[in-house]
Amino acid sequence: MEQQTRTPLTDQAPADPAATDDMLATQPIGYWSGLAHTAVTRRLRDAMARIDVTQPQYWVLNRVHGGAAGPTREEVVAQLGPLADGPRDISRVVDQLLHRGWLGQDGQRLRLTDDGEAARVRLRELVTGLRAEVHRGISDAEYVAALKVLRTMVANVEGPRTV
């Protein structure tokens, strides 16, 4: 009979923002991942608000960008809906961008206007700068390792994702 080796379980401590490095293994991932999500999202949305743009508007501009034929509203909603705060948010964003003149339509297909492409490029520059701020002091290898750990944790509780 083959004997399995088990990794000893680490007790979970209460969330502690002042936890020292030697205490981090006991800290709850939900607390720290939630804190990171909130801080990064707030910083990004605040920066975008100063130029009168929302994060979902940026998502839609990026989704419509590229490709021979632009996506339909339904395709954009299906792809981005899970990221949004509510089920109608992405459809509203499409309407906002059509009204603003950043999106146009060819039949059912959405396309970026020249103003929409210029806005997308400006936003990409803003987001790239914010990414550099968030990643300061973190190597690409450390970042990849962190994402692999998070991806494994998601798979541990939800099962592996198929692409």
C-alpha atoms as a PDB file:
ATOM      1  CA  MET A   1       0.000   0.000   0.000  1.00  0.00           C
ATOM      2  CA  GLU A   2       1.346   3.427  -0.975  1.00  0.00           C
ATOM      3  CA  GLN A   3       1.542   5.915   1.839  1.00  0.00           C
ATOM      4  CA  GLN A   4       0.500   9.474   1.060  1.00  0.00           C
ATOM      5  CA  THR A   5       2.390  12.364   2.526  1.00  0.00           C
ATOM      6  CA  ARG A   6       0.277  15.233   3.715  1.00  0.00           C
ATOM      7  CA  THR A   7       1.276  18.819   4.062  1.00  0.00           C
ATOM      8  CA  PRO A   8       0.557  19.937   7.594  1.00  0.00           C
ATOM      9  CA  LEU A   9      -2.351  22.340   7.801  1.00  0.00           C
ATOM     10  CA  THR A  10      -1.684  25.882   8.910  1.00  0.00           C
ATOM     11  CA  ASP A  11      -4.167  27.384  11.337  1.00  0.00           C
ATOM     12  CA  GLN A  12      -6.073  30.396  10.084  1.00  0.00           C
ATOM     13  CA  ALA A  13      -5.564  33.558  12.118  1.00  0.00           C
ATOM     14  CA  PRO A  14      -7.909  36.535  12.107  1.00  0.00           C
ATOM     15  CA  ALA A  15      -7.193  39.098   9.397  1.00  0.00           C
ATOM     16  CA  ASP A  16      -4.515  41.456  10.609  1.00  0.00           C
ATOM     17  CA  PRO A  17      -3.340  44.348   8.442  1.00  0.00           C
ATOM     18  CA  ALA A  18      -0.281  44.646  10.695  1.00  0.00           C
ATOM     19  CA  ALA A  19       0.724  40.966  10.325  1.00  0.00           C
ATOM     20  CA  THR A  20       4.483  40.530  10.138  1.00  0.00           C
ATOM     21  CA  ASP A  21       6.060  38.475   7.358  1.00  0.00           C
ATOM     22  CA  ASP A  22       6.389  35.438   9.615  1.00  0.00           C
ATOM     23  CA  MET A  23       2.620  35.572  10.260  1.00  0.00           C
ATOM     24  CA  LEU A  24       1.467  35.870   6.620  1.00  0.00           C
ATOM     25  CA  ALA A  25       0.996  32.125   6.087  1.00  0.00           C
ATOM     26  CA  THR A  26      -1.798  32.228   8.680  1.00  0.00           C
ATOM     27  CA  GLN A  27      -3.630  35.153   7.085  1.00  0.00           C
ATOM     28  CA  PRO A  28      -6.930  34.667   5.198  1.00  0.00           C
ATOM     29  CA  ILE A  29      -6.576  34.971   1.420  1.00  0.00           C
ATOM     30  CA  GLY A  30     -10.077  36.440   1.114  1.00  0.00           C
ATOM     31  CA  TYR A  31      -9.136  39.390   3.257  1.00  0.00           C
ATOM     32  CA  TRP A  32      -5.899  40.172   1.430  1.00  0.00           C
ATOM     33  CA  SER A  33      -7.184  39.530  -2.105  1.00  0.00           C
ATOM     34  CA  GLY A  34     -10.272  41.611  -1.332  1.00  0.00           C
ATOM     35  CA  LEU A  35      -8.139  44.428   0.069  1.00  0.00           C
ATOM     36  CA  ALA A  36      -5.922  44.373  -3.041  1.00  0.00           C
ATOM     37  CA  HIS A  37      -8.958  44.316  -5.363  1.00  0.00           C
ATOM     38  CA  THR A  38     -10.589  47.242  -3.589  1.00  0.00           C
ATOM     39  CA  ALA A  39      -7.437  49.373  -3.444  1.00  0.00           C
ATOM     40  CA  VAL A  40      -6.403  48.795  -7.072  1.00  0.00           C
ATOM     41  CA  THR A  41      -9.929  49.207  -8.452  1.00  0.00           C
ATOM     42  CA  ARG A  42     -10.491  52.395  -6.437  1.00  0.00           C
ATOM     43  CA  ARG A  43      -7.200  53.879  -7.675  1.00  0.00           C
ATOM     44  CA  LEU A  44      -7.995  53.021 -11.291  1.00  0.00           C
ATOM     45  CA  ARG A  45     -11.582  54.287 -11.149  1.00  0.00           C
ATOM     46  CA  ASP A  46     -10.565  57.515  -9.390  1.00  0.00           C
ATOM     47  CA  ALA A  47      -7.957  58.237 -12.089  1.00  0.00           C
ATOM     48  CA  MET A  48     -10.485  57.516 -14.839  1.00  0.00           C
ATOM     49  CA  ALA A  49     -13.167  59.653 -13.178  1.00  0.00           C
ATOM     50  CA  ARG A  50     -10.848  62.656 -13.362  1.00  0.00           C
ATOM     51  CA  ILE A  51     -11.064  62.397 -17.158  1.00  0.00           C
ATOM     52  CA  ASP A  52     -14.792  61.538 -17.177  1.00  0.00           C
ATOM     53  CA  VAL A  53     -14.455  57.874 -18.099  1.00  0.00           C
ATOM     54  CA  THR A  54     -15.467  54.708 -16.268  1.00  0.00           C
ATOM     55  CA  GLN A  55     -13.667  51.399 -16.069  1.00  0.00           C
ATOM     56  CA  PRO A  56     -16.524  49.570 -17.867  1.00  0.00           C
ATOM     57  CA  GLN A  57     -16.294  52.127 -20.692  1.00  0.00           C
ATOM     58  CA  TYR A  58     -12.623  51.259 -21.039  1.00  0.00           C
ATOM     59  CA  TRP A  59     -13.484  47.536 -21.104  1.00  0.00           C
ATOM     60  CA  VAL A  60     -15.978  48.100 -23.936  1.00  0.00           C
ATOM     61  CA  LEU A  61     -13.578  50.245 -25.968  1.00  0.00           C
ATOM     62  CA  ASN A  62     -10.954  47.504 -25.700  1.00  0.00           C
ATOM     63  CA  ARG A  63     -13.434  44.765 -26.595  1.00  0.00           C
ATOM     64  CA  VAL A  64     -14.681  46.605 -29.689  1.00  0.00           C
ATOM     65  CA  HIS A  65     -11.123  47.473 -30.802  1.00  0.00           C
ATOM     66  CA  GLY A  66      -9.535  45.262 -33.433  1.00  0.00           C
ATOM     67  CA  GLY A  67     -10.761  42.516 -35.682  1.00  0.00           C
ATOM     68  CA  ALA A  68     -12.208  42.710 -39.163  1.00  0.00           C
ATOM     69  CA  ALA A  69     -15.816  42.824 -37.973  1.00  0.00           C
ATOM     70  CA  GLY A  70     -16.705  44.472 -34.700  1.00  0.00           C
ATOM     71  CA  PRO A  71     -18.717  42.568 -32.122  1.00  0.00           C
ATOM     72  CA  THR A  72     -22.447  42.949 -31.643  1.00  0.00           C
ATOM     73  CA  ARG A  73     -23.884  44.490 -28.490  1.00  0.00           C
ATOM     74  CA  GLU A  74     -24.912  40.996 -27.382  1.00  0.00           C
ATOM     75  CA  GLU A  75     -21.371  39.657 -27.817  1.00  0.00           C
ATOM     76  CA  VAL A  76     -19.909  42.543 -25.802  1.00  0.00           C
ATOM     77  CA  VAL A  77     -22.496  42.063 -23.045  1.00  0.00           C
ATOM     78  CA  ALA A  78     -21.882  38.303 -22.938  1.00  0.00           C
ATOM     79  CA  GLN A  79     -18.112  38.718 -22.659  1.00  0.00           C
ATOM     80  CA  LEU A  80     -17.992  41.642 -20.229  1.00  0.00           C
ATOM     81  CA  GLY A  81     -21.176  41.110 -18.241  1.00  0.00           C
ATOM     82  CA  PRO A  82     -19.517  38.869 -15.620  1.00  0.00           C
ATOM     83  CA  LEU A  83     -17.049  41.682 -14.815  1.00  0.00           C
ATOM     84  CA  ALA A  84     -19.727  44.343 -14.361  1.00  0.00           C
ATOM     85  CA  ASP A  85     -21.561  45.370 -11.224  1.00  0.00           C
ATOM     86  CA  GLY A  86     -24.966  44.393 -12.623  1.00  0.00           C
ATOM     87  CA  PRO A  87     -26.594  42.539 -15.531  1.00  0.00           C
ATOM     88  CA  ARG A  88     -27.512  45.691 -17.503  1.00  0.00           C
ATOM     89  CA  ASP A  89     -24.337  47.687 -16.892  1.00  0.00           C
ATOM     90  CA  ILE A  90     -22.488  46.782 -20.084  1.00  0.00           C
ATOM     91  CA  SER A  91     -25.499  47.436 -22.289  1.00  0.00           C
ATOM     92  CA  ARG A  92     -25.804  50.885 -20.667  1.00  0.00           C
ATOM     93  CA  VAL A  93     -22.115  51.519 -21.308  1.00  0.00           C
ATOM     94  CA  VAL A  94     -22.584  50.707 -24.991  1.00  0.00           C
ATOM     95  CA  ASP A  95     -25.403  53.286 -25.071  1.00  0.00           C
ATOM     96  CA  GLN A  96     -23.194  55.861 -23.311  1.00  0.00           C
ATOM     97  CA  LEU A  97     -20.371  55.337 -25.790  1.00  0.00           C
ATOM     98  CA  LEU A  98     -22.728  55.520 -28.768  1.00  0.00           C
ATOM     99  CA  HIS A  99     -24.127  58.786 -27.364  1.00  0.00           C
ATOM    100  CA  ARG A 100     -20.639  60.151 -26.711  1.00  0.00           C
ATOM    101  CA  GLY A 101     -19.661  59.364 -30.305  1.00  0.00           C
ATOM    102  CA  TRP A 102     -16.909  56.933 -29.339  1.00  0.00           C
ATOM    103  CA  LEU A 103     -18.774  53.969 -30.834  1.00  0.00           C
ATOM    104  CA  GLY A 104     -20.610  53.686 -34.109  1.00  0.00           C
ATOM    105  CA  GLN A 105     -22.627  50.897 -35.662  1.00  0.00           C
ATOM    106  CA  ASP A 106     -22.454  49.096 -38.967  1.00  0.00           C
ATOM    107  CA  GLY A 107     -25.753  47.229 -38.885  1.00  0.00           C
ATOM    108  CA  GLN A 108     -25.585  45.183 -35.684  1.00  0.00           C
ATOM    109  CA  ARG A 109     -21.800  45.431 -35.427  1.00  0.00           C
ATOM    110  CA  LEU A 110     -20.122  47.969 -33.154  1.00  0.00           C
ATOM    111  CA  ARG A 111     -17.001  49.843 -34.206  1.00  0.00           C
ATOM    112  CA  LEU A 112     -14.763  52.479 -32.687  1.00  0.00           C
ATOM    113  CA  THR A 113     -15.008  55.944 -34.165  1.00  0.00           C
ATOM    114  CA  ASP A 114     -11.856  58.035 -34.572  1.00  0.00           C
ATOM    115  CA  ASP A 115     -12.712  59.775 -31.276  1.00  0.00           C
ATOM    116  CA  GLY A 116     -13.285  56.394 -29.639  1.00  0.00           C
ATOM    117  CA  GLU A 117      -9.918  55.085 -30.796  1.00  0.00           C
ATOM    118  CA  ALA A 118      -8.197  58.254 -29.567  1.00  0.00           C
ATOM    119  CA  ALA A 119      -9.902  57.821 -26.178  1.00  0.00           C
ATOM    120  CA  ARG A 120      -8.898  54.142 -26.042  1.00  0.00           C
ATOM    121  CA  VAL A 121      -5.254  55.035 -26.711  1.00  0.00           C
ATOM    122  CA  ARG A 122      -5.287  57.763 -24.007  1.00  0.00           C
ATOM    123  CA  LEU A 123      -6.863  55.337 -21.541  1.00  0.00           C
ATOM    124  CA  ARG A 124      -4.338  52.634 -22.398  1.00  0.00           C
ATOM    125  CA  GLU A 125      -1.542  55.087 -21.550  1.00  0.00           C
ATOM    126  CA  LEU A 126      -3.255  55.965 -18.256  1.00  0.00           C
ATOM    127  CA  VAL A 127      -3.764  52.315 -17.317  1.00  0.00           C
ATOM    128  CA  THR A 128      -0.180  51.435 -18.258  1.00  0.00           C
ATOM    129  CA  GLY A 129       1.062  54.162 -15.908  1.00  0.00           C
ATOM    130  CA  LEU A 130      -1.213  52.971 -13.110  1.00  0.00           C
ATOM    131  CA  ARG A 131      -0.057  49.392 -13.661  1.00  0.00           C
ATOM    132  CA  ALA A 132       3.538  50.536 -13.216  1.00  0.00           C
ATOM    133  CA  GLU A 133       2.542  52.241  -9.952  1.00  0.00           C
ATOM    134  CA  VAL A 134       0.806  49.095  -8.664  1.00  0.00           C
ATOM    135  CA  HIS A 135       3.688  46.826  -9.728  1.00  0.00           C
ATOM    136  CA  ARG A 136       6.466  49.015  -8.286  1.00  0.00           C
ATOM    137  CA  GLY A 137       8.954  46.756  -6.465  1.00  0.00           C
ATOM    138  CA  ILE A 138       7.410  43.567  -7.890  1.00  0.00           C
ATOM    139  CA  SER A 139       9.261  41.616 -10.567  1.00  0.00           C
ATOM    140  CA  ASP A 140       7.395  39.964 -13.435  1.00  0.00           C
ATOM    141  CA  ALA A 141       8.367  36.568 -11.969  1.00  0.00           C
ATOM    142  CA  GLU A 142       6.853  37.492  -8.586  1.00  0.00           C
ATOM    143  CA  TYR A 143       3.709  38.761 -10.286  1.00  0.00           C
ATOM    144  CA  VAL A 144       3.343  35.583 -12.342  1.00  0.00           C
ATOM    145  CA  ALA A 145       3.895  33.463  -9.215  1.00  0.00           C
ATOM    146  CA  ALA A 146       1.200  35.401  -7.343  1.00  0.00           C
ATOM    147  CA  LEU A 147      -1.306  34.956 -10.182  1.00  0.00           C
ATOM    148  CA  LYS A 148      -0.514  31.234 -10.440  1.00  0.00           C
ATOM    149  CA  VAL A 149      -1.202  30.858  -6.723  1.00  0.00           C
ATOM    150  CA  LEU A 150      -4.504  32.724  -7.035  1.00  0.00           C
ATOM    151  CA  ARG A 151      -5.473  30.703 -10.118  1.00  0.00           C
ATOM    152  CA  THR A 152      -4.757  27.475  -8.215  1.00  0.00           C
ATOM    153  CA  MET A 153      -6.837  28.657  -5.253  1.00  0.00           C
ATOM    154  CA  VAL A 154      -9.761  29.402  -7.574  1.00  0.00           C
ATOM    155  CA  ALA A 155      -9.420  25.945  -9.148  1.00  0.00           C
ATOM    156  CA  ASN A 156      -9.272  24.373  -5.676  1.00  0.00           C
ATOM    157  CA  VAL A 157     -12.666  25.807  -4.764  1.00  0.00           C
ATOM    158  CA  GLU A 158     -14.397  25.972  -8.157  1.00  0.00           C
ATOM    159  CA  GLY A 159     -12.679  23.256 -10.153  1.00  0.00           C
ATOM    160  CA  PRO A 160     -10.474  23.774 -13.192  1.00  0.00           C
ATOM    161  CA  ARG A 161     -11.669  26.249 -15.798  1.00  0.00           C
ATOM    162  CA  THR A 162     -11.861  25.351 -19.440  1.00  0.00           C
ATOM    163  CA  VAL A 163     -10.985  27.969 -22.011  1.00  0.00           C
END
